PDB file of N, CA and C in Angstrom:
ATOM      1  N   MET A   1       3.776  43.315-118.477  1.00  0.00           N
ATOM      2  CA  MET A   1       5.021  43.475-117.746  1.00  0.00           C
ATOM      3  C   MET A   1       5.046  44.890-117.188  1.00  0.00           C
ATOM      4  N   ASN A   2       5.216  45.003-115.909  1.00  0.00           N
ATOM      5  CA  ASN A   2       5.263  46.337-115.339  1.00  0.00           C
ATOM      6  C   ASN A   2       6.684  46.901-115.406  1.00  0.00           C
ATOM      7  N   ALA A   3       6.803  48.156-115.036  1.00  0.00           N
ATOM      8  CA  ALA A   3       8.082  48.856-115.184  1.00  0.00           C
ATOM      9  C   ALA A   3       9.166  48.276-114.282  1.00  0.00           C
ATOM     10  N   PHE A   4       8.771  47.781-113.110  1.00  0.00           N
ATOM     11  CA  PHE A   4       9.777  47.227-112.195  1.00  0.00           C
ATOM     12  C   PHE A   4      10.433  45.986-112.787  1.00  0.00           C
ATOM     13  N   LYS A   5       9.627  45.110-113.401  1.00  0.00           N
ATOM     14  CA  LYS A   5      10.194  43.907-114.022  1.00  0.00           C
ATOM     15  C   LYS A   5      11.084  44.273-115.202  1.00  0.00           C
ATOM     16  N   LEU A   6      10.670  45.274-115.967  1.00  0.00           N
ATOM     17  CA  LEU A   6      11.486  45.711-117.089  1.00  0.00           C
ATOM     18  C   LEU A   6      12.796  46.320-116.602  1.00  0.00           C
ATOM     19  N   PHE A   7      12.739  47.030-115.485  1.00  0.00           N
ATOM     20  CA  PHE A   7      13.956  47.598-114.905  1.00  0.00           C
ATOM     21  C   PHE A   7      14.896  46.498-114.416  1.00  0.00           C
ATOM     22  N   LEU A   8      14.334  45.450-113.790  1.00  0.00           N
ATOM     23  CA  LEU A   8      15.157  44.316-113.369  1.00  0.00           C
ATOM     24  C   LEU A   8      15.775  43.609-114.573  1.00  0.00           C
ATOM     25  N   LEU A   9      15.015  43.470-115.657  1.00  0.00           N
ATOM     26  CA  LEU A   9      15.551  42.879-116.883  1.00  0.00           C
ATOM     27  C   LEU A   9      16.687  43.730-117.437  1.00  0.00           C
ATOM     28  N   LEU A  10      16.529  45.034-117.383  1.00  0.00           N
ATOM     29  CA  LEU A  10      17.568  45.943-117.863  1.00  0.00           C
ATOM     30  C   LEU A  10      18.857  45.756-117.060  1.00  0.00           C
ATOM     31  N   ILE A  11      18.734  45.718-115.743  1.00  0.00           N
ATOM     32  CA  ILE A  11      19.925  45.567-114.893  1.00  0.00           C
ATOM     33  C   ILE A  11      20.573  44.202-115.099  1.00  0.00           C
ATOM     34  N   ALA A  12      19.751  43.146-115.154  1.00  0.00           N
ATOM     35  CA  ALA A  12      20.300  41.800-115.343  1.00  0.00           C
ATOM     36  C   ALA A  12      20.988  41.674-116.696  1.00  0.00           C
ATOM     37  N   ALA A  13      20.379  42.202-117.742  1.00  0.00           N
ATOM     38  CA  ALA A  13      20.983  42.120-119.076  1.00  0.00           C
ATOM     39  C   ALA A  13      22.271  42.931-119.125  1.00  0.00           C
ATOM     40  N   PHE A  14      22.280  44.081-118.477  1.00  0.00           N
ATOM     41  CA  PHE A  14      23.488  44.904-118.479  1.00  0.00           C
ATOM     42  C   PHE A  14      24.628  44.201-117.739  1.00  0.00           C
ATOM     43  N   ILE A  15      24.326  43.651-116.565  1.00  0.00           N
ATOM     44  CA  ILE A  15      25.371  42.974-115.787  1.00  0.00           C
ATOM     45  C   ILE A  15      25.875  41.733-116.525  1.00  0.00           C
ATOM     46  N   LEU A  16      24.952  40.931-117.055  1.00  0.00           N
ATOM     47  CA  LEU A  16      25.369  39.738-117.800  1.00  0.00           C
ATOM     48  C   LEU A  16      26.115  40.103-119.080  1.00  0.00           C
ATOM     49  N   GLY A  17      25.697  41.165-119.741  1.00  0.00           N
ATOM     50  CA  GLY A  17      26.383  41.607-120.950  1.00  0.00           C
ATOM     51  C   GLY A  17      27.802  42.060-120.671  1.00  0.00           C
ATOM     52  N   ARG A  18      28.004  42.727-119.550  1.00  0.00           N
ATOM     53  CA  ARG A  18      29.345  43.182-119.175  1.00  0.00           C
ATOM     54  C   ARG A  18      30.228  42.019-118.733  1.00  0.00           C
ATOM     55  N   THR A  19      29.670  41.048-118.010  1.00  0.00           N
ATOM     56  CA  THR A  19      30.502  39.958-117.493  1.00  0.00           C
ATOM     57  C   THR A  19      30.802  38.901-118.548  1.00  0.00           C
ATOM     58  N   THR A  20      29.855  38.627-119.452  1.00  0.00           N
ATOM     59  CA  THR A  20      30.085  37.590-120.460  1.00  0.00           C
ATOM     60  C   THR A  20      30.676  38.136-121.747  1.00  0.00           C
ATOM     61  N   GLY A  21      30.490  39.420-121.994  1.00  0.00           N
ATOM     62  CA  GLY A  21      30.995  40.002-123.234  1.00  0.00           C
ATOM     63  C   GLY A  21      30.109  39.701-124.436  1.00  0.00           C
ATOM     64  N   TRP A  22      28.894  39.208-124.216  1.00  0.00           N
ATOM     65  CA  TRP A  22      27.986  38.878-125.316  1.00  0.00           C
ATOM     66  C   TRP A  22      27.233  40.146-125.718  1.00  0.00           C
ATOM     67  N   PRO A  23      27.417  40.651-126.942  1.00  0.00           N
ATOM     68  CA  PRO A  23      26.837  41.944-127.323  1.00  0.00           C
ATOM     69  C   PRO A  23      25.305  41.938-127.424  1.00  0.00           C
ATOM     70  N   VAL A  24      24.679  40.764-127.560  1.00  0.00           N
ATOM     71  CA  VAL A  24      23.218  40.701-127.644  1.00  0.00           C
ATOM     72  C   VAL A  24      22.599  41.202-126.337  1.00  0.00           C
ATOM     73  N   LEU A  25      23.209  40.875-125.218  1.00  0.00           N
ATOM     74  CA  LEU A  25      22.682  41.323-123.931  1.00  0.00           C
ATOM     75  C   LEU A  25      22.817  42.838-123.767  1.00  0.00           C
ATOM     76  N   ASP A  26      23.854  43.405-124.349  1.00  0.00           N
ATOM     77  CA  ASP A  26      23.967  44.868-124.338  1.00  0.00           C
ATOM     78  C   ASP A  26      22.832  45.496-125.140  1.00  0.00           C
ATOM     79  N   HIS A  27      22.462  44.886-126.269  1.00  0.00           N
ATOM     80  CA  HIS A  27      21.352  45.387-127.087  1.00  0.00           C
ATOM     81  C   HIS A  27      20.023  45.244-126.349  1.00  0.00           C
ATOM     82  N   VAL A  28      19.849  44.148-125.622  1.00  0.00           N
ATOM     83  CA  VAL A  28      18.633  43.952-124.828  1.00  0.00           C
ATOM     84  C   VAL A  28      18.543  45.018-123.739  1.00  0.00           C
ATOM     85  N   ALA A  29      19.662  45.310-123.091  1.00  0.00           N
ATOM     86  CA  ALA A  29      19.669  46.334-122.043  1.00  0.00           C
ATOM     87  C   ALA A  29      19.353  47.708-122.625  1.00  0.00           C
ATOM     88  N   LEU A  30      19.919  48.025-123.776  1.00  0.00           N
ATOM     89  CA  LEU A  30      19.625  49.313-124.412  1.00  0.00           C
ATOM     90  C   LEU A  30      18.168  49.393-124.859  1.00  0.00           C
ATOM     91  N   ALA A  31      17.618  48.290-125.375  1.00  0.00           N
ATOM     92  CA  ALA A  31      16.216  48.281-125.793  1.00  0.00           C
ATOM     93  C   ALA A  31      15.294  48.456-124.589  1.00  0.00           C
ATOM     94  N   ALA A  32      15.596  47.805-123.478  1.00  0.00           N
ATOM     95  CA  ALA A  32      14.788  47.953-122.270  1.00  0.00           C
ATOM     96  C   ALA A  32      14.861  49.383-121.745  1.00  0.00           C
ATOM     97  N   LEU A  33      16.038  49.984-121.797  1.00  0.00           N
ATOM     98  CA  LEU A  33      16.188  51.375-121.368  1.00  0.00           C
ATOM     99  C   LEU A  33      15.391  52.312-122.266  1.00  0.00           C
ATOM    100  N   ALA A  34      15.431  52.077-123.572  1.00  0.00           N
ATOM    101  CA  ALA A  34      14.673  52.911-124.506  1.00  0.00           C
ATOM    102  C   ALA A  34      13.169  52.769-124.279  1.00  0.00           C
ATOM    103  N   ILE A  35      12.705  51.556-124.022  1.00  0.00           N
ATOM    104  CA  ILE A  35      11.285  51.337-123.758  1.00  0.00           C
ATOM    105  C   ILE A  35      10.862  52.042-122.477  1.00  0.00           C
ATOM    106  N   LEU A  36      11.661  51.920-121.420  1.00  0.00           N
ATOM    107  CA  LEU A  36      11.337  52.603-120.162  1.00  0.00           C
ATOM    108  C   LEU A  36      11.288  54.118-120.342  1.00  0.00           C
ATOM    109  N   LEU A  37      12.257  54.670-121.042  1.00  0.00           N
ATOM    110  CA  LEU A  37      12.298  56.118-121.261  1.00  0.00           C
ATOM    111  C   LEU A  37      11.115  56.586-122.103  1.00  0.00           C
ATOM    112  N   PHE A  38      10.818  55.854-123.181  1.00  0.00           N
ATOM    113  CA  PHE A  38       9.716  56.227-124.062  1.00  0.00           C
ATOM    114  C   PHE A  38       8.378  56.162-123.339  1.00  0.00           C
ATOM    115  N   THR A  39       8.129  55.094-122.575  1.00  0.00           N
ATOM    116  CA  THR A  39       6.853  54.969-121.880  1.00  0.00           C
ATOM    117  C   THR A  39       6.717  55.998-120.763  1.00  0.00           C
ATOM    118  N   TRP A  40       7.819  56.351-120.106  1.00  0.00           N
ATOM    119  CA  TRP A  40       7.750  57.388-119.083  1.00  0.00           C
ATOM    120  C   TRP A  40       7.394  58.733-119.706  1.00  0.00           C
ATOM    121  N   LEU A  41       8.056  59.066-120.820  1.00  0.00           N
ATOM    122  CA  LEU A  41       7.745  60.327-121.496  1.00  0.00           C
ATOM    123  C   LEU A  41       6.317  60.334-122.031  1.00  0.00           C
ATOM    124  N   TRP A  42       5.866  59.215-122.592  1.00  0.00           N
ATOM    125  CA  TRP A  42       4.519  59.128-123.141  1.00  0.00           C
ATOM    126  C   TRP A  42       3.475  59.334-122.040  1.00  0.00           C
ATOM    127  N   SER A  43       3.657  58.673-120.901  1.00  0.00           N
ATOM    128  CA  SER A  43       2.686  58.817-119.825  1.00  0.00           C
ATOM    129  C   SER A  43       2.754  60.205-119.203  1.00  0.00           C
ATOM    130  N   ARG A  44       3.897  60.815-119.227  1.00  0.00           N
ATOM    131  CA  ARG A  44       4.066  62.150-118.645  1.00  0.00           C
ATOM    132  C   ARG A  44       3.351  63.217-119.461  1.00  0.00           C
ATOM    133  N   PHE A  45       3.433  63.138-120.780  1.00  0.00           N
ATOM    134  CA  PHE A  45       2.895  64.188-121.636  1.00  0.00           C
ATOM    135  C   PHE A  45       1.564  63.849-122.303  1.00  0.00           C
ATOM    136  N   SER A  46       1.061  62.638-122.131  1.00  0.00           N
ATOM    137  CA  SER A  46      -0.136  62.239-122.879  1.00  0.00           C
ATOM    138  C   SER A  46      -1.416  62.902-122.378  1.00  0.00           C
ATOM    139  N   LEU A  47      -1.511  63.226-121.114  1.00  0.00           N
ATOM    140  CA  LEU A  47      -2.752  63.794-120.591  1.00  0.00           C
ATOM    141  C   LEU A  47      -2.695  65.303-120.380  1.00  0.00           C
ATOM    142  N   ARG A  48      -1.705  65.943-120.936  1.00  0.00           N
ATOM    143  CA  ARG A  48      -1.668  67.404-120.857  1.00  0.00           C
ATOM    144  C   ARG A  48      -2.811  67.980-121.682  1.00  0.00           C
ATOM    145  N   GLY A  49      -3.510  68.938-121.115  1.00  0.00           N
ATOM    146  CA  GLY A  49      -4.600  69.594-121.821  1.00  0.00           C
ATOM    147  C   GLY A  49      -5.926  68.865-121.748  1.00  0.00           C
ATOM    148  N   VAL A  50      -5.997  67.770-120.997  1.00  0.00           N
ATOM    149  CA  VAL A  50      -7.251  67.025-120.861  1.00  0.00           C
ATOM    150  C   VAL A  50      -7.901  67.415-119.542  1.00  0.00           C
ATOM    151  N   SER A  51      -9.192  67.742-119.611  1.00  0.00           N
ATOM    152  CA  SER A  51      -9.928  68.070-118.394  1.00  0.00           C
ATOM    153  C   SER A  51     -11.290  67.392-118.436  1.00  0.00           C
ATOM    154  N   LEU A  52     -11.839  67.162-117.267  1.00  0.00           N
ATOM    155  CA  LEU A  52     -13.145  66.521-117.152  1.00  0.00           C
ATOM    156  C   LEU A  52     -14.033  67.413-116.308  1.00  0.00           C
ATOM    157  N   TRP A  53     -15.219  67.669-116.802  1.00  0.00           N
ATOM    158  CA  TRP A  53     -16.197  68.490-116.103  1.00  0.00           C
ATOM    159  C   TRP A  53     -17.373  67.607-115.753  1.00  0.00           C
ATOM    160  N   ARG A  54     -17.853  67.706-114.520  1.00  0.00           N
ATOM    161  CA  ARG A  54     -18.962  66.887-114.048  1.00  0.00           C
ATOM    162  C   ARG A  54     -19.948  67.776-113.311  1.00  0.00           C
ATOM    163  N   ALA A  55     -21.226  67.650-113.656  1.00  0.00           N
ATOM    164  CA  ALA A  55     -22.255  68.450-112.997  1.00  0.00           C
ATOM    165  C   ALA A  55     -23.476  67.584-112.737  1.00  0.00           C
ATOM    166  N   PRO A  56     -23.921  67.536-111.482  1.00  0.00           N
ATOM    167  CA  PRO A  56     -25.164  66.811-111.202  1.00  0.00           C
ATOM    168  C   PRO A  56     -26.363  67.603-111.711  1.00  0.00           C
ATOM    169  N   ALA A  57     -27.443  66.892-112.063  1.00  0.00           N
ATOM    170  CA  ALA A  57     -28.631  67.565-112.577  1.00  0.00           C
ATOM    171  C   ALA A  57     -29.372  68.303-111.469  1.00  0.00           C
ATOM    172  N   ALA A  58     -29.279  67.827-110.247  1.00  0.00           N
ATOM    173  CA  ALA A  58     -29.958  68.475-109.126  1.00  0.00           C
ATOM    174  C   ALA A  58     -29.008  68.543-107.939  1.00  0.00           C
ATOM    175  N   GLU A  59     -29.263  69.531-107.078  1.00  0.00           N
ATOM    176  CA  GLU A  59     -28.426  69.683-105.886  1.00  0.00           C
ATOM    177  C   GLU A  59     -28.636  68.541-104.896  1.00  0.00           C
ATOM    178  N   ARG A  60     -29.874  68.082-104.763  1.00  0.00           N
ATOM    179  CA  ARG A  60     -30.175  66.992-103.848  1.00  0.00           C
ATOM    180  C   ARG A  60     -31.242  66.088-104.446  1.00  0.00           C
ATOM    181  N   ALA A  61     -31.319  64.910-103.903  1.00  0.00           N
ATOM    182  CA  ALA A  61     -32.312  63.943-104.356  1.00  0.00           C
ATOM    183  C   ALA A  61     -32.862  63.205-103.144  1.00  0.00           C
ATOM    184  N   GLN A  62     -34.067  62.692-103.306  1.00  0.00           N
ATOM    185  CA  GLN A  62     -34.683  61.933-102.235  1.00  0.00           C
ATOM    186  C   GLN A  62     -34.639  60.452-102.583  1.00  0.00           C
ATOM    187  N   VAL A  63     -34.925  59.641-101.600  1.00  0.00           N
ATOM    188  CA  VAL A  63     -34.909  58.200-101.792  1.00  0.00           C
ATOM    189  C   VAL A  63     -35.926  57.836-102.872  1.00  0.00           C
ATOM    190  N   GLY A  64     -35.500  57.068-103.833  1.00  0.00           N
ATOM    191  CA  GLY A  64     -36.372  56.628-104.915  1.00  0.00           C
ATOM    192  C   GLY A  64     -36.271  57.473-106.170  1.00  0.00           C
ATOM    193  N   GLN A  65     -35.706  58.671-106.079  1.00  0.00           N
ATOM    194  CA  GLN A  65     -35.543  59.513-107.259  1.00  0.00           C
ATOM    195  C   GLN A  65     -34.319  59.065-108.058  1.00  0.00           C
ATOM    196  N   THR A  66     -34.370  59.323-109.346  1.00  0.00           N
ATOM    197  CA  THR A  66     -33.195  59.050-110.170  1.00  0.00           C
ATOM    198  C   THR A  66     -32.280  60.274-110.142  1.00  0.00           C
ATOM    199  N   ILE A  67     -31.025  60.009-110.248  1.00  0.00           N
ATOM    200  CA  ILE A  67     -30.022  61.075-110.221  1.00  0.00           C
ATOM    201  C   ILE A  67     -29.425  61.186-111.623  1.00  0.00           C
ATOM    202  N   GLY A  68     -29.437  62.383-112.151  1.00  0.00           N
ATOM    203  CA  GLY A  68     -28.838  62.636-113.459  1.00  0.00           C
ATOM    204  C   GLY A  68     -27.553  63.425-113.324  1.00  0.00           C
ATOM    205  N   GLU A  69     -26.602  63.131-114.185  1.00  0.00           N
ATOM    206  CA  GLU A  69     -25.329  63.845-114.192  1.00  0.00           C
ATOM    207  C   GLU A  69     -24.922  64.110-115.631  1.00  0.00           C
ATOM    208  N   ALA A  70     -24.146  65.148-115.806  1.00  0.00           N
ATOM    209  CA  ALA A  70     -23.584  65.468-117.118  1.00  0.00           C
ATOM    210  C   ALA A  70     -22.064  65.449-116.996  1.00  0.00           C
ATOM    211  N   PHE A  71     -21.428  64.784-117.931  1.00  0.00           N
ATOM    212  CA  PHE A  71     -19.973  64.713-117.982  1.00  0.00           C
ATOM    213  C   PHE A  71     -19.504  65.312-119.300  1.00  0.00           C
ATOM    214  N   GLU A  72     -18.399  66.029-119.248  1.00  0.00           N
ATOM    215  CA  GLU A  72     -17.818  66.567-120.469  1.00  0.00           C
ATOM    216  C   GLU A  72     -16.295  66.444-120.373  1.00  0.00           C
ATOM    217  N   ALA A  73     -15.711  65.746-121.317  1.00  0.00           N
ATOM    218  CA  ALA A  73     -14.251  65.616-121.385  1.00  0.00           C
ATOM    219  C   ALA A  73     -13.751  66.556-122.481  1.00  0.00           C
ATOM    220  N   ARG A  74     -12.761  67.377-122.144  1.00  0.00           N
ATOM    221  CA  ARG A  74     -12.216  68.348-123.104  1.00  0.00           C
ATOM    222  C   ARG A  74     -10.730  68.080-123.330  1.00  0.00           C
ATOM    223  N   ASN A  75     -10.316  68.354-124.540  1.00  0.00           N
ATOM    224  CA  ASN A  75      -8.917  68.203-124.911  1.00  0.00           C
ATOM    225  C   ASN A  75      -8.482  69.481-125.607  1.00  0.00           C
ATOM    226  N   THR A  76      -7.576  70.224-125.015  1.00  0.00           N
ATOM    227  CA  THR A  76      -7.089  71.455-125.635  1.00  0.00           C
ATOM    228  C   THR A  76      -5.835  71.214-126.471  1.00  0.00           C
ATOM    229  N   GLY A  77      -5.346  69.988-126.477  1.00  0.00           N
ATOM    230  CA  GLY A  77      -4.160  69.661-127.271  1.00  0.00           C
ATOM    231  C   GLY A  77      -4.510  69.461-128.739  1.00  0.00           C
ATOM    232  N   ARG A  78      -3.497  69.367-129.559  1.00  0.00           N
ATOM    233  CA  ARG A  78      -3.695  69.185-130.995  1.00  0.00           C
ATOM    234  C   ARG A  78      -4.008  67.746-131.380  1.00  0.00           C
ATOM    235  N   LEU A  79      -3.432  66.805-130.634  1.00  0.00           N
ATOM    236  CA  LEU A  79      -3.645  65.397-130.954  1.00  0.00           C
ATOM    237  C   LEU A  79      -4.831  64.840-130.192  1.00  0.00           C
ATOM    238  N   ALA A  80      -5.539  63.934-130.835  1.00  0.00           N
ATOM    239  CA  ALA A  80      -6.667  63.280-130.190  1.00  0.00           C
ATOM    240  C   ALA A  80      -6.166  62.339-129.098  1.00  0.00           C
ATOM    241  N   LYS A  81      -6.967  62.163-128.090  1.00  0.00           N
ATOM    242  CA  LYS A  81      -6.636  61.249-127.007  1.00  0.00           C
ATOM    243  C   LYS A  81      -7.522  60.017-127.150  1.00  0.00           C
ATOM    244  N   LEU A  82      -6.899  58.897-127.392  1.00  0.00           N
ATOM    245  CA  LEU A  82      -7.627  57.654-127.574  1.00  0.00           C
ATOM    246  C   LEU A  82      -7.698  56.909-126.255  1.00  0.00           C
ATOM    247  N   TRP A  83      -8.814  56.293-125.988  1.00  0.00           N
ATOM    248  CA  TRP A  83      -8.990  55.376-124.862  1.00  0.00           C
ATOM    249  C   TRP A  83      -8.684  56.019-123.512  1.00  0.00           C
ATOM    250  N   ILE A  84      -9.338  57.124-123.203  1.00  0.00           N
ATOM    251  CA  ILE A  84      -9.235  57.717-121.877  1.00  0.00           C
ATOM    252  C   ILE A  84     -10.289  57.060-121.002  1.00  0.00           C
ATOM    253  N   GLU A  85      -9.858  56.496-119.885  1.00  0.00           N
ATOM    254  CA  GLU A  85     -10.787  55.808-118.996  1.00  0.00           C
ATOM    255  C   GLU A  85     -11.320  56.784-117.960  1.00  0.00           C
ATOM    256  N   ILE A  86     -12.646  56.917-117.915  1.00  0.00           N
ATOM    257  CA  ILE A  86     -13.305  57.704-116.888  1.00  0.00           C
ATOM    258  C   ILE A  86     -13.817  56.713-115.859  1.00  0.00           C
ATOM    259  N   ASP A  87     -13.277  56.781-114.659  1.00  0.00           N
ATOM    260  CA  ASP A  87     -13.603  55.819-113.614  1.00  0.00           C
ATOM    261  C   ASP A  87     -14.345  56.538-112.499  1.00  0.00           C
ATOM    262  N   ASP A  88     -15.648  56.317-112.416  1.00  0.00           N
ATOM    263  CA  ASP A  88     -16.461  56.902-111.359  1.00  0.00           C
ATOM    264  C   ASP A  88     -16.567  55.881-110.239  1.00  0.00           C
ATOM    265  N   GLN A  89     -16.072  56.224-109.088  1.00  0.00           N
ATOM    266  CA  GLN A  89     -16.031  55.286-107.975  1.00  0.00           C
ATOM    267  C   GLN A  89     -17.211  55.487-107.028  1.00  0.00           C
ATOM    268  N   SER A  90     -18.358  55.819-107.579  1.00  0.00           N
ATOM    269  CA  SER A  90     -19.553  56.017-106.783  1.00  0.00           C
ATOM    270  C   SER A  90     -20.068  54.677-106.266  1.00  0.00           C
ATOM    271  N   THR A  91     -20.673  54.709-105.084  1.00  0.00           N
ATOM    272  CA  THR A  91     -21.238  53.496-104.489  1.00  0.00           C
ATOM    273  C   THR A  91     -22.759  53.453-104.640  1.00  0.00           C
ATOM    274  N   LEU A  92     -23.318  54.343-105.431  1.00  0.00           N
ATOM    275  CA  LEU A  92     -24.766  54.334-105.637  1.00  0.00           C
ATOM    276  C   LEU A  92     -25.163  53.100-106.446  1.00  0.00           C
ATOM    277  N   PRO A  93     -26.239  52.421-106.053  1.00  0.00           N
ATOM    278  CA  PRO A  93     -26.655  51.243-106.819  1.00  0.00           C
ATOM    279  C   PRO A  93     -27.197  51.634-108.193  1.00  0.00           C
ATOM    280  N   GLY A  94     -26.798  50.889-109.205  1.00  0.00           N
ATOM    281  CA  GLY A  94     -27.250  51.145-110.575  1.00  0.00           C
ATOM    282  C   GLY A  94     -26.599  52.346-111.227  1.00  0.00           C
ATOM    283  N   HIS A  95     -25.577  52.897-110.612  1.00  0.00           N
ATOM    284  CA  HIS A  95     -24.896  54.082-111.147  1.00  0.00           C
ATOM    285  C   HIS A  95     -23.626  53.622-111.855  1.00  0.00           C
ATOM    286  N   ALA A  96     -23.704  53.421-113.145  1.00  0.00           N
ATOM    287  CA  ALA A  96     -22.562  52.917-113.916  1.00  0.00           C
ATOM    288  C   ALA A  96     -22.148  53.966-114.941  1.00  0.00           C
ATOM    289  N   VAL A  97     -21.289  54.880-114.532  1.00  0.00           N
ATOM    290  CA  VAL A  97     -20.836  55.953-115.408  1.00  0.00           C
ATOM    291  C   VAL A  97     -19.459  55.660-115.991  1.00  0.00           C
ATOM    292  N   SER A  98     -18.716  54.772-115.379  1.00  0.00           N
ATOM    293  CA  SER A  98     -17.356  54.479-115.837  1.00  0.00           C
ATOM    294  C   SER A  98     -17.373  53.975-117.272  1.00  0.00           C
ATOM    295  N   ARG A  99     -16.477  54.513-118.066  1.00  0.00           N
ATOM    296  CA  ARG A  99     -16.370  54.127-119.479  1.00  0.00           C
ATOM    297  C   ARG A  99     -15.042  54.593-120.054  1.00  0.00           C
ATOM    298  N   VAL A 100     -14.777  54.138-121.241  1.00  0.00           N
ATOM    299  CA  VAL A 100     -13.585  54.541-121.982  1.00  0.00           C
ATOM    300  C   VAL A 100     -14.062  55.396-123.150  1.00  0.00           C
ATOM    301  N   VAL A 101     -13.468  56.582-123.293  1.00  0.00           N
ATOM    302  CA  VAL A 101     -13.918  57.525-124.318  1.00  0.00           C
ATOM    303  C   VAL A 101     -12.766  57.941-125.223  1.00  0.00           C
ATOM    304  N   HIS A 102     -13.135  58.482-126.361  1.00  0.00           N
ATOM    305  CA  HIS A 102     -12.192  59.069-127.324  1.00  0.00           C
ATOM    306  C   HIS A 102     -12.463  60.565-127.333  1.00  0.00           C
ATOM    307  N   VAL A 103     -11.417  61.381-127.108  1.00  0.00           N
ATOM    308  CA  VAL A 103     -11.578  62.829-127.080  1.00  0.00           C
ATOM    309  C   VAL A 103     -10.765  63.404-128.244  1.00  0.00           C
ATOM    310  N   PRO A 104     -11.441  63.980-129.239  1.00  0.00           N
ATOM    311  CA  PRO A 104     -10.698  64.529-130.382  1.00  0.00           C
ATOM    312  C   PRO A 104      -9.906  65.769-129.992  1.00  0.00           C
ATOM    313  N   GLY A 105      -8.929  66.115-130.820  1.00  0.00           N
ATOM    314  CA  GLY A 105      -8.092  67.282-130.567  1.00  0.00           C
ATOM    315  C   GLY A 105      -8.785  68.565-130.916  1.00  0.00           C
TER     316      GLY A 105
END
């Protein structure tokens, strides 16, 4: 469920809760608001202090040569970062660097 659908659920539950007087819908609206606020704060502060360094092994390569690269993910925060996705959008054939990594604190 994306944030827009959750926001629509929040508005619908709030309006229905106010018009019908059913307190369960007020609780649903408050829960949806709390989830939206928590996920916004989590996504806002979760990647602070994370950096990615990338260096190719050579400045240039010729046709048929293999290309080497070094990647380093750093975390200067105190908490470990679980499941950080590194997405390399290179169009080179056979170049599959994209992965999900764990970066300790």
